[in-house]
Protein backbone atom coordinates (compact mmCIF):
# COMPACT_ATOMS: atom_id res chain seq x y z
CA ILE A 1 66.74 115.25 113.90
CA SER A 2 70.45 114.81 113.24
CA GLU A 3 70.35 117.39 110.43
CA GLU A 4 68.52 119.89 112.65
CA VAL A 5 71.08 119.42 115.42
CA THR A 6 73.95 119.95 112.98
CA LYS A 7 72.33 123.12 111.59
CA THR A 8 71.70 124.49 115.08
CA LEU A 9 75.28 123.80 116.15
CA HIS A 10 76.61 125.56 113.05
CA ILE A 11 74.44 128.62 113.77
CA LEU A 12 75.66 128.66 117.38
CA LYS A 13 79.28 128.46 116.28
CA THR A 14 78.79 131.29 113.78
CA GLN A 15 77.18 133.50 116.43
CA LEU A 16 80.05 132.83 118.84
CA TYR A 17 82.85 133.39 116.34
CA GLY A 18 81.14 135.77 113.94
CA SER A 19 81.11 135.29 110.16
CA GLN A 20 82.89 136.97 107.28
CA GLU A 21 80.00 139.41 107.03
CA GLN A 22 79.46 139.97 110.75
CA GLU A 23 81.85 139.93 113.68
CA ALA A 24 80.95 138.22 116.93
CA SER A 25 79.54 140.90 119.19
CA ASP A 26 77.89 141.10 122.56
CA LEU A 27 75.57 138.40 121.23
CA GLY A 28 78.47 135.95 121.43
CA ALA A 29 79.06 136.82 125.08
CA GLN A 30 75.34 136.40 125.84
CA ILE A 31 75.23 133.04 124.08
CA SER A 32 78.32 131.89 125.95
CA ALA A 33 76.72 132.81 129.28
CA GLU A 34 73.50 131.05 128.29
CA ILE A 35 75.39 127.89 127.29
CA LEU A 36 76.93 127.74 130.77
CA SER A 37 73.77 128.57 132.71
CA SER A 38 71.68 126.03 130.79
CA ASP A 39 74.14 123.14 131.27
CA MET A 40 74.41 122.84 127.50
CA PHE A 41 78.05 121.71 127.91
CA LEU A 42 76.79 118.61 129.70
CA ILE A 43 74.17 117.86 127.03
CA LEU A 44 76.69 118.29 124.19
CA MET A 45 79.38 116.14 125.76
CA GLU A 46 77.13 113.33 126.92
CA ASN A 47 75.60 113.10 123.43
CA LEU A 48 78.72 113.76 121.37
CA ALA A 49 78.78 110.22 119.95
CA TYR A 50 75.27 110.71 118.50
CA ILE A 51 76.18 113.89 116.61
CA ASP A 52 77.50 113.59 113.05
CA PHE A 53 81.08 114.35 112.00
CA GLU A 54 80.56 118.00 111.04
CA GLY A 55 78.41 118.58 114.11
CA ARG A 56 81.13 117.21 116.39
CA LYS A 57 83.63 119.63 114.86
CA ASP A 58 81.23 122.48 115.67
CA VAL A 59 80.84 121.21 119.25
CA VAL A 60 84.63 121.38 119.67
CA ALA A 61 84.65 124.92 118.27
CA ILE A 62 81.78 126.01 120.55
CA VAL A 63 83.28 124.52 123.71
CA ASN A 64 86.74 125.91 122.99
CA ASN A 65 85.31 129.37 122.28
CA VAL A 66 83.42 129.43 125.59
CA LEU A 67 86.53 128.22 127.44
CA ARG A 68 88.61 131.07 125.99
CA ARG A 69 86.19 133.85 126.91
CA GLN A 70 87.12 136.04 129.85
CA ILE A 71 85.26 138.53 131.99
CA GLY A 72 88.03 140.64 133.43
CA VAL A 73 90.46 138.12 134.94
CA ARG A 74 87.78 135.44 135.27
CA SER A 75 87.26 132.56 132.85
CA PRO A 76 83.64 131.47 133.42
CA GLY A 77 83.94 128.48 131.08
CA ALA A 78 87.01 127.16 132.89
CA GLU A 79 85.37 127.77 136.28
CA TYR A 80 82.31 125.83 135.12
CA MET A 81 84.42 122.89 133.93
CA SER A 82 86.47 122.82 137.13
CA ARG A 83 83.34 122.64 139.30
CA SER A 84 81.73 119.78 137.43
CA GLU A 85 82.48 116.20 136.45
CA LEU A 86 82.35 117.17 132.78
CA ILE A 87 86.12 117.08 132.43
CA PHE A 88 86.04 113.36 133.23
CA VAL A 89 83.30 112.83 130.65
CA LEU A 90 85.79 114.23 128.14
CA ILE A 91 88.62 112.05 129.44
CA ASN A 92 86.41 108.96 129.18
CA GLY A 93 85.82 109.98 125.57
CA TYR A 94 89.17 108.38 124.73
CA GLU A 95 87.40 105.04 125.16
CA ASN A 96 85.15 105.74 122.16
CA GLN A 97 86.94 105.78 118.79
CA GLU A 98 84.24 107.95 117.21
CA ILE A 99 84.73 110.89 119.56
CA ALA A 100 88.24 110.36 121.00
CA LEU A 101 89.99 112.97 118.86
CA ASN A 102 87.21 115.53 119.41
CA CYS A 103 87.52 115.04 123.17
CA GLY A 104 91.29 115.39 122.90
CA MET A 105 90.99 118.80 121.24
CA MET A 106 88.66 120.03 123.98
CA LEU A 107 90.89 118.58 126.72
CA ARG A 108 93.94 120.41 125.39
CA GLU A 109 91.95 123.64 125.42
CA CYS A 110 90.98 122.84 129.01
CA ALA A 111 94.68 122.31 129.81
CA ARG A 112 95.29 126.03 129.22
CA HIS A 113 93.49 126.69 132.50
CA LEU A 114 95.23 125.97 135.81
CA ILE A 115 92.00 125.34 137.74
CA ILE A 116 91.04 122.55 135.33
CA VAL A 117 94.51 120.97 135.24
CA THR A 118 94.58 120.99 139.04
CA LYS A 119 91.25 119.15 139.13
CA ILE A 120 92.48 116.53 136.66
CA ILE A 121 95.95 115.68 137.94
CA TRP A 122 94.95 115.36 141.60
CA ASP A 123 92.14 112.95 140.73
CA ILE A 124 92.83 109.21 140.57
CA ARG A 125 91.18 109.17 137.13
CA PHE A 126 94.19 111.06 135.74
CA TYR A 127 95.98 107.70 135.72
CA LYS A 128 93.65 106.52 132.95
CA PHE A 129 95.98 108.36 130.58
CA PHE A 130 98.57 105.64 131.13
CA GLU A 131 96.10 103.23 129.52
CA TYR A 132 94.96 105.57 126.76
CA VAL A 133 98.49 106.30 125.50
CA GLU A 134 98.94 102.55 124.95
CA VAL A 135 95.75 101.79 123.01
CA SER A 136 96.22 99.95 119.72
CA THR A 137 94.72 102.72 117.56
CA PHE A 138 97.72 104.91 116.70
CA ASP A 139 95.82 108.19 116.21
CA ILE A 140 94.06 107.87 119.56
CA ALA A 141 97.21 106.84 121.45
CA SER A 142 99.14 109.77 119.95
CA ASP A 143 96.35 112.21 120.73
CA ALA A 144 96.11 110.95 124.31
CA PHE A 145 99.86 111.40 124.72
CA SER A 146 99.64 114.97 123.40
CA THR A 147 97.00 115.73 126.03
CA PHE A 148 98.98 113.91 128.74
CA LYS A 149 102.07 115.96 127.89
CA GLU A 150 100.10 119.21 127.86
CA LEU A 151 98.71 118.48 131.32
CA LEU A 152 102.23 117.86 132.67
CA THR A 153 104.08 120.75 131.06
CA ARG A 154 101.84 123.82 130.81
CA HIS A 155 101.38 124.75 134.49
CA LYS A 156 104.81 123.89 135.79
CA SER A 157 104.62 125.01 139.42
CA GLU A 158 101.40 123.09 140.15
CA VAL A 159 102.68 119.99 138.33
CA ALA A 160 105.94 120.16 140.30
CA VAL A 161 103.97 119.98 143.57
CA PHE A 162 101.93 117.09 142.17
CA LEU A 163 105.03 115.14 141.08
CA GLU A 164 106.67 115.65 144.48
CA LYS A 165 103.61 114.57 146.46
CA GLN A 166 102.61 111.75 144.11
CA TYR A 167 106.12 110.66 143.14
CA ASP A 168 105.70 106.93 143.86
CA PRO A 169 102.36 106.28 142.14
CA PHE A 170 103.19 108.53 139.20
CA PHE A 171 106.61 107.07 138.44
CA THR A 172 105.43 103.52 139.06
CA HIS A 173 102.92 104.09 136.27
CA TYR A 174 105.48 105.96 134.17
CA GLN A 175 107.87 103.01 134.37
CA SER A 176 105.33 100.96 132.44
CA LEU A 177 105.55 103.45 129.56
CA LEU A 178 109.34 103.28 129.52
CA ASN A 179 109.10 99.49 129.38
CA SER A 180 106.27 99.47 126.83
CA GLU A 181 106.44 97.08 123.90
CA ASN A 182 105.18 99.93 121.73
CA TYR A 183 108.10 101.78 120.15
CA VAL A 184 106.26 105.11 119.81
CA THR A 185 105.10 105.01 123.44
CA ARG A 186 108.64 104.29 124.69
CA ARG A 187 110.16 107.04 122.60
CA GLN A 188 107.58 109.67 123.55
CA ALA A 189 107.76 108.72 127.24
CA LEU A 190 111.56 108.95 127.26
CA LYS A 191 111.53 112.34 125.56
CA LEU A 192 108.94 113.71 127.98
CA LEU A 193 110.84 112.27 130.96
CA GLY A 194 113.95 114.17 129.87
CA GLU A 195 111.94 117.39 129.57
CA LEU A 196 110.35 116.94 133.00
CA LEU A 197 113.62 116.16 134.78
CA LEU A 198 115.50 119.06 133.20
CA ASP A 199 112.80 121.61 134.00
CA ARG A 200 113.94 123.83 136.88
CA PHE A 201 110.51 123.60 138.52
CA ASN A 202 111.04 119.85 138.93
CA PHE A 203 114.41 120.12 140.65
CA THR A 204 113.33 118.11 143.72
CA VAL A 205 111.77 115.41 141.56
CA MET A 206 114.89 115.21 139.38
CA ASN A 207 117.07 114.90 142.46
CA ARG A 208 115.01 111.96 143.68
CA TYR A 209 114.80 110.26 140.29
CA ILE A 210 118.55 110.32 139.63
CA SER A 211 119.27 108.98 143.12
CA GLN A 212 117.56 105.66 142.42
CA PRO A 213 119.82 102.91 140.99
CA GLU A 214 116.99 101.11 139.18
CA ASN A 215 116.39 104.25 137.10
CA LEU A 216 120.04 104.42 136.07
CA LYS A 217 120.02 100.72 135.14
CA LEU A 218 116.94 101.24 132.99
CA MET A 219 118.56 104.13 131.11
CA MET A 220 121.75 102.12 130.56
CA ASN A 221 119.65 99.32 129.07
CA LEU A 222 117.73 101.76 126.87
CA LEU A 223 121.03 103.16 125.59
CA ARG A 224 121.56 99.73 124.00
CA GLU A 225 118.12 99.50 122.37
CA LYS A 226 118.04 98.63 118.66
CA SER A 227 116.30 101.88 117.81
CA LYS A 228 118.72 104.78 117.47
CA ASN A 229 115.93 107.21 118.36
CA ILE A 230 115.31 105.41 121.66
CA GLN A 231 119.06 105.39 122.31
CA PHE A 232 119.24 109.12 121.68
CA GLU A 233 116.36 109.97 124.03
CA ALA A 234 117.82 107.65 126.71
CA PHE A 235 121.15 109.48 126.37
CA HIS A 236 119.48 112.74 127.38
CA VAL A 237 118.22 111.17 130.61
CA PHE A 238 121.41 109.18 131.27
CA LYS A 239 123.51 112.35 131.08
CA ILE A 240 121.65 113.78 134.09
CA PHE A 241 122.85 110.89 136.27
CA VAL A 242 126.46 111.36 135.16
CA ALA A 243 126.42 115.17 135.37
CA ASN A 244 125.14 115.12 138.96
CA PRO A 245 128.07 116.49 141.00
CA ASN A 246 126.90 114.71 144.17
CA LYS A 247 126.10 111.16 143.14
CA PRO A 248 124.77 108.81 145.84
CA LYS A 249 127.03 105.83 146.50
CA PRO A 250 124.73 103.25 144.80
CA ILE A 251 124.75 105.37 141.62
CA MET A 252 128.50 105.89 141.78
CA ASP A 253 129.07 102.17 142.32
CA ILE A 254 127.15 101.27 139.15
CA LEU A 255 129.06 103.84 137.10
CA LEU A 256 132.43 102.76 138.51
CA ARG A 257 131.66 99.09 137.95
CA ASN A 258 130.86 99.81 134.31
CA ARG A 259 133.36 102.61 133.72
CA GLU A 260 135.46 101.01 130.99
CA LYS A 261 132.45 99.61 129.15
CA LEU A 262 130.67 102.97 129.32
CA VAL A 263 133.66 104.92 128.00
CA ASP A 264 134.09 102.47 125.14
CA PHE A 265 130.35 102.46 124.41
CA LEU A 266 129.99 106.25 124.45
CA THR A 267 133.07 106.74 122.28
CA LYS A 268 131.34 104.75 119.52
CA PHE A 269 127.86 106.07 120.32
CA HIS A 270 126.05 107.81 117.42
CA THR A 271 129.26 108.76 115.61
CA GLU A 272 127.11 109.58 112.57
CA ARG A 273 125.97 112.75 114.39
CA SER A 274 129.29 114.40 113.62
CA GLU A 275 127.65 117.73 112.77
CA ASP A 276 125.55 117.88 115.96
CA GLU A 277 127.83 120.13 117.98
CA GLN A 278 125.78 120.15 121.19
CA PHE A 279 125.43 116.36 121.26
CA ASN A 280 129.15 115.82 120.68
CA ASP A 281 130.05 118.35 123.37
CA GLU A 282 127.75 116.58 125.83
CA LYS A 283 129.11 113.16 124.87
CA SER A 284 132.71 114.33 125.33
CA TYR A 285 131.79 115.82 128.70
CA LEU A 286 130.19 112.56 129.87
CA ILE A 287 133.18 110.49 128.75
CA LYS A 288 135.48 112.85 130.66
CA GLN A 289 133.27 112.69 133.77
CA ILE A 290 133.11 108.89 133.71
CA LYS A 291 136.89 108.57 133.25
CA GLU A 292 137.46 110.82 136.27
CA LEU A 293 135.01 109.07 138.62
CA LYS A 294 136.26 108.34 142.11
CA PRO A 295 134.63 106.21 144.82
CA VAL A 296 132.62 108.17 147.38
CA GLU A 297 132.51 107.78 151.13
CA GLU A 298 129.39 106.37 152.79
CA ASN A 299 128.95 109.28 155.21
CA VAL A 300 128.89 112.12 152.69
CA SER A 301 125.60 113.93 152.05
CA TYR A 302 124.54 113.53 148.44
CA GLN A 303 121.74 116.05 148.06
CA ILE A 304 122.40 118.28 145.08
CA LYS A 305 122.63 121.93 145.99
CA GLU A 306 120.50 124.09 143.76
CA GLU A 307 123.35 126.50 143.11
CA ASN A 308 125.18 123.70 141.29
CA MET A 309 122.50 123.71 138.62
CA SER A 310 123.32 125.78 135.57
């Protein structure tokens, strides 16, 4: 039976994509429509673990082909996935080592479609990714993080709304990644955090994040990590706190209290990067900003004005 399934899947894939001798034609469109109307997606995904290695590769190719097909401005495959629970069958696939990477490839194809990403991130099951990126199997953890990052960076305006509305639960979970005992997890999470905060769509989220003293303290601690890569990623988040022209008093107090230590620390920080012009310019700018810090009054408003952003 397994051999027959594998052969059938290979034929299906060839008909969808075409072969060297024959291009995919209207037959591919008809097959795609039939796959959706017959609930074949559900059958394939629920039985993925029982299909052999080559067959699973063909399943990924079939699903991704159907997801990419458009009829005018519509994407029937994406609409189908967004209306069903299938997307969560794929997410749960990270719990099975045999199919985790196959599910990851299909999930990243799904992430190209806003309607699917919206369904995922607003569902409580999205938070399973915080577990999957920490699993002990390196390949699976890395794949899960790639999918996690794709979900948070491809459709920026929708994700910005999500991060604003779900700020507390999201960043409570995210804190666990920044404090992870796993070096790769910490480094990836720090790098992604910097990207998210510096994205113009996430201006409101950035403003809130850099107003919280515990976040500044965490970055200052990460600057002193043994790993130079962790230090470097932490630097790119720390600089946002310092560059903020309207620092809240609690943030200013921490920086003032540690001013001399910070100047001394940054002066000696990653001096081996002498040829990295951008890094050295940023470091010099931060040292100058910290040296020129002045206490702020309690009654001043500290919301950053968007026009101050470059």
